[in-house]
Protein backbone atom coordinates (compact mmCIF):
# COMPACT_ATOMS: atom_id res chain seq x y z
CA MET A 1 -63.20 18.98 -16.15
CA SER A 2 -61.54 22.44 -17.28
CA PHE A 3 -59.52 22.15 -20.24
CA PHE A 4 -57.25 24.85 -19.25
CA ARG A 5 -56.15 24.93 -15.46
CA THR A 6 -54.07 27.26 -13.55
CA SER A 7 -51.68 24.55 -12.75
CA ASN A 8 -48.90 24.42 -15.06
CA THR A 9 -48.62 20.61 -14.64
CA GLN A 10 -52.14 20.39 -16.00
CA ASN A 11 -51.41 22.64 -18.93
CA THR A 12 -48.41 20.96 -20.18
CA LYS A 13 -49.49 17.48 -19.82
CA LYS A 14 -47.00 15.09 -21.86
CA THR A 15 -46.68 11.61 -23.37
CA ASN A 16 -43.32 10.22 -23.44
CA PRO A 17 -42.35 9.98 -27.44
CA THR A 18 -39.23 8.00 -28.40
CA ASN A 19 -37.22 11.14 -29.85
CA GLY A 20 -37.25 12.81 -26.68
CA THR A 21 -39.59 15.74 -27.49
CA ASP A 22 -42.56 16.13 -25.32
CA VAL A 23 -46.05 15.86 -26.92
CA SER A 24 -48.64 18.14 -25.41
CA ARG A 25 -52.54 17.76 -25.56
CA TRP A 26 -52.49 20.68 -27.84
CA ASP A 27 -50.35 18.76 -30.25
CA LEU A 28 -53.03 16.04 -29.89
CA PHE A 29 -55.56 18.36 -30.84
CA THR A 30 -53.90 19.85 -33.63
CA CYS A 31 -52.96 16.34 -35.10
CA VAL A 32 -56.86 15.54 -35.05
CA ALA A 33 -58.12 19.11 -36.00
CA GLY A 34 -55.96 19.31 -39.19
CA ARG A 35 -57.64 16.38 -40.79
CA PRO A 36 -61.08 16.79 -42.08
CA GLU A 37 -61.67 12.99 -42.27
CA GLY A 38 -60.17 12.41 -38.61
CA ILE A 39 -57.29 10.29 -37.93
CA ALA A 40 -56.62 6.83 -36.42
CA LEU A 41 -54.97 6.29 -33.13
CA ALA A 42 -52.21 4.42 -34.58
CA ARG A 43 -51.50 7.27 -37.10
CA ILE A 44 -51.29 9.74 -34.46
CA ALA A 45 -48.64 7.64 -32.70
CA HIS A 46 -47.06 7.54 -35.61
CA THR A 47 -47.25 11.20 -36.69
CA LEU A 48 -45.93 12.34 -33.23
CA HIS A 49 -43.38 9.49 -32.80
CA VAL A 50 -45.10 8.09 -29.80
CA GLU A 51 -43.88 4.56 -29.03
CA ARG A 52 -46.82 3.22 -27.24
CA GLU A 53 -50.08 4.43 -28.79
CA ARG A 54 -52.26 3.41 -26.20
CA SER A 55 -50.52 5.89 -23.96
CA LEU A 56 -52.44 8.43 -25.84
CA ILE A 57 -55.97 7.28 -25.16
CA LEU A 58 -55.98 9.07 -21.65
CA PRO A 59 -54.93 12.55 -22.93
CA LEU A 60 -57.38 11.99 -26.06
CA GLY A 61 -60.25 11.25 -23.61
CA GLU A 62 -59.43 14.47 -22.04
CA LEU A 63 -60.15 16.08 -25.33
CA GLU A 64 -63.17 14.21 -25.66
CA ASP A 65 -64.47 15.37 -22.19
CA GLU A 66 -64.08 18.97 -23.22
CA ASP A 67 -66.07 18.46 -26.56
CA LEU A 68 -63.06 19.23 -28.38
CA ILE A 69 -62.89 15.95 -30.56
CA VAL A 70 -65.03 12.90 -30.87
CA CYS A 71 -64.08 9.20 -30.99
CA ASP A 72 -66.44 8.29 -33.90
CA SER A 73 -65.51 4.60 -33.98
CA LYS A 74 -62.86 2.41 -32.60
CA ASP A 75 -59.68 4.15 -32.10
CA HIS A 76 -60.59 6.89 -34.56
CA TYR A 77 -60.71 10.51 -33.75
CA ILE A 78 -62.37 13.37 -35.39
CA LEU A 79 -62.87 17.17 -34.65
CA SER A 80 -65.80 18.02 -32.84
CA THR A 81 -68.75 20.04 -34.23
CA LYS A 82 -69.01 22.38 -31.42
CA PRO A 83 -68.20 25.93 -31.83
CA ARG A 84 -65.63 26.08 -29.40
CA ALA A 85 -63.89 23.11 -30.97
CA GLN A 86 -64.14 24.63 -34.57
CA GLU A 87 -62.70 28.15 -33.38
CA LEU A 88 -59.87 26.35 -31.87
CA ARG A 89 -58.80 24.58 -34.71
CA VAL A 90 -58.72 27.66 -36.71
CA THR A 91 -56.49 29.20 -34.07
CA MET A 92 -54.19 26.14 -34.16
CA ALA A 93 -54.02 26.38 -37.88
CA TYR A 94 -52.80 29.92 -37.93
CA ALA A 95 -50.21 28.94 -35.36
CA LEU A 96 -49.00 26.25 -37.83
CA ALA A 97 -49.28 28.58 -40.72
CA TYR A 98 -47.55 31.44 -39.21
CA GLY A 99 -44.84 29.28 -37.31
CA TYR A 100 -45.88 29.94 -33.81
CA ASP A 101 -44.99 27.61 -31.06
CA TYR A 102 -48.48 27.30 -29.79
CA ASN A 103 -47.37 25.48 -26.71
CA VAL A 104 -45.45 28.44 -25.35
CA TYR A 105 -48.71 30.47 -25.57
CA PHE A 106 -50.54 28.13 -23.38
CA ASP A 107 -47.94 28.12 -20.73
CA GLU A 108 -49.02 29.45 -17.40
CA GLU A 109 -46.83 32.53 -17.45
CA MET A 110 -47.73 33.65 -20.91
CA VAL A 111 -51.44 33.32 -20.08
CA ALA A 112 -51.07 35.20 -16.75
CA PHE A 113 -49.19 38.02 -19.21
CA LEU A 114 -52.02 38.06 -21.83
CA LYS A 115 -54.66 38.39 -19.11
CA LYS A 116 -53.55 41.82 -18.40
CA ALA A 117 -51.77 43.01 -21.62
CA TYR A 118 -54.64 42.05 -24.22
CA ARG A 119 -57.39 43.94 -22.60
CA SER A 120 -56.51 47.50 -23.93
CA ASP A 121 -54.86 49.16 -26.92
CA TYR A 122 -51.68 49.38 -25.35
CA PHE A 123 -50.47 48.97 -21.68
CA ASN A 124 -47.60 50.11 -19.52
CA LEU A 125 -46.04 48.94 -16.23
CA LYS A 126 -49.16 50.05 -14.26
CA ASP A 127 -51.34 47.81 -16.35
CA VAL A 128 -49.07 44.84 -16.39
CA SER A 129 -46.31 44.56 -13.44
CA ALA A 130 -43.10 43.88 -14.16
CA LYS A 131 -43.22 40.51 -12.39
CA LEU A 132 -45.85 39.65 -14.92
CA MET A 133 -43.52 40.60 -17.86
CA PRO A 134 -40.38 38.64 -17.64
CA PRO A 135 -37.83 39.22 -20.43
CA ALA A 136 -38.41 35.89 -21.92
CA ILE A 137 -42.04 36.68 -22.33
CA VAL A 138 -41.17 39.98 -24.27
CA ASP A 139 -38.39 38.18 -26.06
CA ARG A 140 -40.90 35.47 -27.39
CA LEU A 141 -43.42 38.05 -28.32
CA VAL A 142 -41.04 40.51 -30.25
CA ARG A 143 -39.55 37.52 -32.19
CA ASP A 144 -42.92 36.46 -33.10
CA ASN A 145 -44.10 39.96 -34.30
CA LEU A 146 -46.91 39.96 -31.57
CA LEU A 147 -45.78 42.51 -29.49
CA LEU A 148 -44.91 46.44 -30.50
CA ILE A 149 -42.84 48.09 -27.96
CA TYR A 150 -43.50 52.00 -28.49
CA LYS A 151 -40.96 52.76 -25.50
CA PHE A 152 -38.86 50.90 -23.16
CA ASP A 153 -38.49 53.96 -20.88
CA PRO A 154 -41.13 54.40 -19.67
CA PHE A 155 -42.54 51.17 -21.04
CA ILE A 156 -45.22 51.39 -23.39
CA GLY A 157 -46.32 48.24 -25.38
CA ARG A 158 -49.07 46.88 -27.59
CA ILE A 159 -50.32 43.57 -28.57
CA VAL A 160 -50.79 42.96 -32.28
CA GLU A 161 -54.01 42.05 -33.41
CA ASN A 162 -54.13 39.03 -35.18
CA PRO A 163 -56.08 35.84 -35.62
CA PHE A 164 -53.84 33.56 -33.43
CA LEU A 165 -53.83 35.67 -30.30
CA ASP A 166 -57.21 36.92 -30.99
CA GLY A 167 -58.52 33.09 -31.33
CA LEU A 168 -56.17 31.91 -28.22
CA CYS A 169 -57.48 34.83 -26.02
CA ASN A 170 -61.14 33.87 -26.90
CA TYR A 171 -60.60 30.61 -26.10
CA LEU A 172 -59.13 31.27 -22.72
CA ASN A 173 -61.87 34.06 -21.90
CA ILE A 174 -59.66 36.86 -22.10
CA LYS A 175 -61.67 39.76 -23.38
CA ARG A 176 -60.77 43.30 -24.42
CA SER A 177 -62.04 45.81 -22.41
CA GLY A 178 -63.58 48.64 -24.36
CA SER A 179 -64.22 51.01 -21.49
CA PHE A 180 -60.78 50.64 -20.13
CA SER A 181 -59.57 51.88 -23.50
CA PHE A 182 -61.88 54.85 -23.65
CA PHE A 183 -60.39 56.98 -21.03
CA ARG A 184 -56.73 56.56 -22.40
CA GLU A 185 -55.11 58.92 -24.59
CA LYS A 186 -54.36 57.84 -28.11
CA ILE A 187 -50.73 57.38 -28.85
CA SER A 188 -49.80 58.27 -32.56
CA LEU A 189 -47.63 55.57 -34.04
CA SER A 190 -46.15 58.20 -36.54
CA SER A 191 -44.86 60.34 -33.79
CA VAL A 192 -43.32 57.15 -32.00
CA LEU A 193 -41.37 56.38 -35.25
CA GLN A 194 -40.17 59.85 -35.84
CA ASP A 195 -37.52 59.44 -33.23
CA ARG A 196 -36.92 55.96 -33.99
CA PHE A 197 -36.22 56.30 -37.84
CA THR A 198 -32.60 57.78 -37.34
CA ASN A 199 -31.74 57.01 -33.71
CA VAL A 200 -32.09 53.17 -33.56
CA GLU A 201 -28.73 52.46 -34.93
CA LYS A 202 -26.92 54.83 -32.36
CA GLU A 203 -25.46 52.79 -29.29
CA ASP A 204 -26.36 55.83 -26.86
CA ASP A 205 -29.91 55.85 -28.03
CA PRO A 206 -31.95 56.31 -24.90
CA GLN A 207 -34.33 53.48 -25.99
CA ILE A 208 -31.48 51.16 -26.69
CA LEU A 209 -30.06 51.66 -23.30
CA ALA A 210 -33.51 51.29 -21.62
CA ALA A 211 -33.68 47.75 -23.59
CA LYS A 212 -30.31 46.78 -22.33
CA LYS A 213 -31.58 47.66 -18.77
CA PHE A 214 -34.85 45.66 -19.23
CA PHE A 215 -32.84 42.55 -20.51
CA ALA A 216 -30.18 42.87 -18.10
CA ASN A 217 -28.80 39.40 -17.05
CA TYR A 218 -31.13 37.78 -19.43
CA ARG A 219 -29.85 35.11 -21.65
CA PRO A 220 -32.50 33.32 -23.96
CA GLN A 221 -32.67 29.58 -23.97
CA GLU A 222 -32.41 28.70 -27.61
CA LYS A 223 -34.08 25.52 -27.75
CA LYS A 224 -37.23 26.96 -26.49
CA LEU A 225 -36.94 29.87 -29.26
CA LEU A 226 -36.31 27.22 -32.06
CA PRO A 227 -39.38 25.68 -33.72
CA ASN A 228 -40.89 22.53 -31.91
CA PRO A 229 -39.83 19.57 -34.04
CA ILE A 230 -43.19 18.00 -33.34
CA GLU A 231 -44.85 21.13 -34.50
CA VAL A 232 -42.79 21.28 -37.72
CA GLU A 233 -44.05 17.72 -38.20
CA LEU A 234 -47.51 18.56 -37.61
CA ARG A 235 -47.51 21.66 -39.86
CA ASP A 236 -45.79 19.53 -42.75
CA SER A 237 -48.37 16.35 -42.39
CA VAL A 238 -51.31 18.96 -41.84
CA GLN A 239 -50.53 20.98 -44.94
CA LYS A 240 -51.00 18.06 -47.20
CA GLU A 241 -54.68 17.76 -45.97
CA ASP A 242 -56.06 20.84 -44.73
CA SER A 243 -56.34 22.66 -47.99
CA GLU A 244 -58.33 25.36 -46.46
CA PHE A 245 -55.40 26.91 -44.94
CA PHE A 246 -52.41 25.60 -46.84
CA ASP A 247 -51.80 25.65 -50.37
CA PRO A 248 -48.17 24.84 -51.24
CA LYS A 249 -48.26 25.11 -55.12
CA SER A 250 -49.71 28.73 -54.90
CA ARG A 251 -47.08 29.47 -52.20
CA GLU A 252 -44.37 28.18 -54.62
CA ASN A 253 -45.51 30.11 -57.65
CA PHE A 254 -45.53 33.25 -55.35
CA GLU A 255 -42.07 32.45 -54.34
CA LYS A 256 -41.03 32.70 -58.10
CA ALA A 257 -42.52 35.93 -58.57
CA TRP A 258 -40.81 37.19 -55.60
CA GLU A 259 -37.41 35.92 -56.94
CA ALA A 260 -37.95 37.75 -60.30
CA MET A 261 -38.79 40.90 -58.37
CA HIS A 262 -35.57 40.62 -56.45
CA GLU A 263 -33.43 40.26 -59.73
CA ASP A 264 -35.33 43.51 -60.98
CA ILE A 265 -34.32 45.24 -57.93
CA ALA A 266 -30.84 44.04 -58.46
CA ASN A 267 -30.74 45.06 -61.88
CA GLU A 268 -32.31 48.29 -61.31
CA VAL A 269 -35.20 47.40 -63.96
CA PRO A 270 -37.73 50.15 -63.90
CA LEU A 271 -41.47 49.45 -63.32
CA SER A 272 -43.62 48.84 -66.37
CA PRO A 273 -46.80 47.08 -67.55
CA GLU A 274 -44.70 44.28 -68.69
CA VAL A 275 -42.91 43.77 -65.62
CA ILE A 276 -46.12 43.62 -63.56
CA ILE A 277 -47.58 41.17 -66.18
CA LYS A 278 -44.51 39.13 -65.69
CA TYR A 279 -45.15 38.96 -61.97
CA HIS A 280 -48.72 37.98 -62.35
CA LYS A 281 -48.22 35.35 -64.84
CA LEU A 282 -45.65 33.62 -62.45
CA ILE A 283 -48.06 34.05 -59.55
CA MET A 284 -51.10 32.38 -61.78
CA ALA A 285 -48.90 29.55 -63.43
CA ASP A 286 -50.88 26.34 -63.27
CA THR A 287 -54.35 27.99 -63.53
CA ASP A 288 -56.23 29.06 -66.51
CA ILE A 289 -56.20 32.79 -65.36
CA PRO A 290 -54.73 34.93 -68.03
CA SER A 291 -52.19 37.52 -67.43
CA THR A 292 -54.03 40.07 -69.43
CA TYR A 293 -56.25 43.02 -68.31
CA ARG A 294 -59.62 41.97 -67.14
CA ASP A 295 -62.41 42.51 -69.67
CA HIS A 296 -65.33 42.34 -67.17
CA GLU A 297 -66.34 43.98 -63.81
CA VAL A 298 -65.49 42.16 -60.72
CA ILE A 299 -66.83 42.14 -57.18
CA ILE A 300 -64.62 41.74 -54.08
CA ALA A 301 -65.69 38.93 -52.15
CA ASN A 302 -67.05 40.00 -48.71
CA ASN A 303 -67.05 43.65 -49.49
CA LYS A 304 -69.53 45.22 -51.40
CA TYR A 305 -68.19 48.57 -50.68
CA PHE A 306 -65.20 48.07 -52.58
CA THR A 307 -64.73 49.88 -56.29
CA THR A 308 -62.56 48.97 -59.00
CA ALA A 309 -61.57 50.91 -62.03
CA ALA A 310 -63.80 50.97 -65.09
CA ILE A 311 -62.43 48.60 -67.71
CA PRO A 312 -61.36 51.14 -70.47
CA ASP A 313 -59.30 53.19 -67.81
CA ILE A 314 -57.17 50.36 -66.56
CA PRO A 315 -54.15 50.51 -68.87
CA TYR A 316 -53.97 54.41 -68.43
CA LEU A 317 -54.50 54.35 -64.83
CA LEU A 318 -51.89 51.55 -64.31
CA GLU A 319 -49.30 53.07 -66.56
CA ASP A 320 -49.51 56.48 -64.75
CA LEU A 321 -49.21 54.79 -61.47
CA LEU A 322 -46.20 53.11 -62.69
CA ASN A 323 -44.68 56.23 -64.24
CA TYR A 324 -45.15 57.96 -60.99
CA LEU A 325 -43.22 55.27 -58.88
CA ASN A 326 -40.31 55.40 -61.27
CA ASP A 327 -40.07 59.16 -60.70
CA VAL A 328 -40.85 59.49 -56.98
CA GLU A 329 -37.85 59.99 -54.55
CA PRO A 330 -39.39 60.01 -51.06
CA PRO A 331 -37.11 62.41 -48.83
CA THR A 332 -37.60 60.24 -45.76
CA GLN A 333 -38.61 56.98 -44.79
CA GLU A 334 -41.97 58.11 -43.33
CA ASP A 335 -42.46 59.62 -46.78
CA ALA A 336 -41.37 56.27 -48.50
CA LEU A 337 -44.19 54.63 -46.30
CA LYS A 338 -46.70 56.95 -47.42
CA VAL A 339 -45.86 56.30 -51.00
CA CYS A 340 -45.98 52.56 -50.66
CA ALA A 341 -49.49 52.90 -48.88
CA TYR A 342 -50.90 54.92 -51.48
CA THR A 343 -49.30 52.55 -54.24
CA TYR A 344 -50.86 49.30 -52.76
CA ASN A 345 -54.39 50.94 -52.54
CA GLU A 346 -54.31 52.54 -55.96
CA PHE A 347 -53.21 48.99 -57.46
CA ILE A 348 -55.70 47.04 -55.71
CA HIS A 349 -58.53 49.48 -56.84
CA ILE A 350 -57.26 49.64 -60.39
CA HIS A 351 -57.57 45.87 -60.02
CA PRO A 352 -56.10 45.20 -63.62
CA PHE A 353 -56.54 41.30 -63.61
CA SER A 354 -59.45 39.10 -63.47
CA ASP A 355 -57.58 37.39 -60.31
CA GLY A 356 -54.20 37.37 -58.64
CA ASN A 357 -54.31 41.14 -58.08
CA SER A 358 -53.54 40.85 -54.11
CA ARG A 359 -50.76 38.67 -54.64
CA THR A 360 -49.29 40.93 -57.44
CA ASP A 361 -49.61 44.06 -55.50
CA ARG A 362 -47.62 42.49 -52.68
CA VAL A 363 -44.74 41.85 -55.07
CA LEU A 364 -44.87 45.50 -56.20
CA LEU A 365 -45.15 46.68 -52.55
CA GLY A 366 -41.84 44.42 -51.85
CA TYR A 367 -40.33 46.05 -55.00
CA LEU A 368 -41.02 49.66 -53.40
CA LEU A 369 -39.93 48.66 -49.99
CA ASN A 370 -36.53 47.16 -51.39
CA LYS A 371 -35.99 50.23 -53.64
CA PHE A 372 -36.71 52.88 -50.86
CA GLY A 373 -34.37 50.81 -48.46
CA LEU A 374 -36.71 50.03 -46.02
CA PRO A 375 -35.82 47.29 -43.28
CA PHE A 376 -38.81 44.87 -44.51
CA GLU A 377 -40.07 43.92 -47.77
CA ARG A 378 -43.12 41.58 -46.81
CA ILE A 379 -46.35 42.02 -44.81
CA SER A 380 -45.33 39.84 -41.70
CA ASN A 381 -47.77 36.99 -40.77
CA SER A 382 -48.77 38.45 -37.54
CA PHE A 383 -49.97 41.75 -39.54
CA GLU A 384 -51.71 39.88 -42.47
CA VAL A 385 -55.18 40.03 -41.44
CA SER A 386 -54.99 43.78 -40.38
CA PHE A 387 -53.51 44.50 -43.60
CA LEU A 388 -56.43 42.84 -45.37
CA ILE A 389 -58.87 44.81 -43.32
CA VAL A 390 -57.41 48.18 -44.29
CA SER A 391 -57.06 47.39 -47.91
CA LYS A 392 -59.50 45.02 -49.48
CA GLY A 393 -61.76 44.75 -46.46
CA ALA A 394 -62.06 48.62 -46.08
CA LYS A 395 -65.58 50.23 -46.83
CA GLU A 396 -64.01 53.33 -47.92
CA ARG A 397 -60.56 53.78 -49.13
CA ASN A 398 -57.83 55.01 -46.49
CA ASP A 399 -54.33 55.09 -47.47
CA ASP A 400 -53.39 56.49 -43.96
CA ASN A 401 -54.73 52.99 -42.53
CA ILE A 402 -52.77 51.14 -44.71
CA ARG A 403 -49.55 53.32 -43.84
CA ASP A 404 -50.42 52.62 -40.19
CA VAL A 405 -49.90 48.75 -40.52
CA LEU A 406 -46.74 49.26 -42.39
CA GLU A 407 -45.75 51.64 -39.54
CA GLN A 408 -46.16 48.79 -37.05
CA ILE A 409 -44.18 46.38 -39.22
CA TYR A 410 -41.41 48.75 -39.39
CA LEU A 411 -41.70 49.43 -35.58
CA SER A 412 -41.32 45.60 -35.20
CA CYS A 413 -38.02 45.60 -37.23
CA ILE A 414 -36.92 48.29 -34.76
CA ASN A 415 -37.89 46.10 -31.65
CA LYS A 416 -36.22 43.08 -33.07
CA LEU A 417 -32.99 45.16 -33.62
CA GLU A 418 -33.28 46.69 -30.02
CA LEU A 419 -33.71 43.09 -28.78
CA ALA A 420 -30.50 41.95 -30.64
CA LYS A 421 -28.63 44.78 -29.24
CA ALA A 422 -29.98 44.37 -25.71
CA ILE A 423 -29.60 40.36 -25.49
CA ASN A 424 -25.95 40.40 -27.12
CA GLN A 425 -24.68 43.21 -24.89
CA ASP A 426 -21.15 42.67 -23.37
């Protein structure tokens, strides 16, 4: 029995919970998969607000038939050890962590789109017909930061590489085509952005007008765009048990550092080693990691090529960097992104602390993005892994690769503005 079918009825098979919200088989899988010790049938029903717990036995049995879960004792279910099940569990965990409505992405219409759009670096209307790309699909993907629209006229789009979509497409056996991309002329994102930096606020901007034409007569169904209540509840319940993907305390400490950064920006506090140490201390609260410069060499996990500053050089390199940032005044937003990319890479290679450097670097990056007036301050969830790959995961330092990810995030902000203007048109 195939777990994913071409029939939309099979994809979205539901139970009937008492709160009126449909529970899908994906909800059931996630409810089981997010708990390392498994979960009893009665607790599944309680978590998903299903009145008749026995009504879940059939869809749970279908998940068993697919070797995705196992009933290891009477009415107790646990994640299967099969690689396919383990990979899907990671995919769903990313969906919960990033706030994606995974049920939408298993919808027949979305899957038909991904089968065409996912296979190459970017796509146009020759690759994906307009019929397979309805406004609702584009709306969802743009809002979730999973689609970059280089142009509306002629349409050129790019699926954002990230663990959720990559895992989903792998599960659905949708593959990228290297040979298909080989014959394409590469499109420079920097060149795309050059025209968008200044024109996006103009009502007569050709891309805004093209976006309005694309979304003509489209009105989103707000209920479908809001988080699914069942998924919100699943996320909250799974977070308490799935420590591999969710660490609420660490997130809370990070937010405190973020609030301190906002206060510094509002009060025009210049950067200094003391400011950086303050951010680090907030981030590493409730740990035994000192907010002092490291006194030992460090090795970056999973990247033997990554080099960090010699211990005696740390104070001088950090002070030089911060002095530069207090004085620099990028003439354009493109130059501002270059400064941000350089700064992030420089700080992470200085690696002043024994731990918590990446999180501290994110706060420093947020400080600069705010200072330079750019339309975002964080690395969006959808770009998180790509950003890690080009920074801590890189074999060789390359500031341009970091800038490319920042440019993608910038373009996603522009796309959202275009979307808002197009959908709210008179």
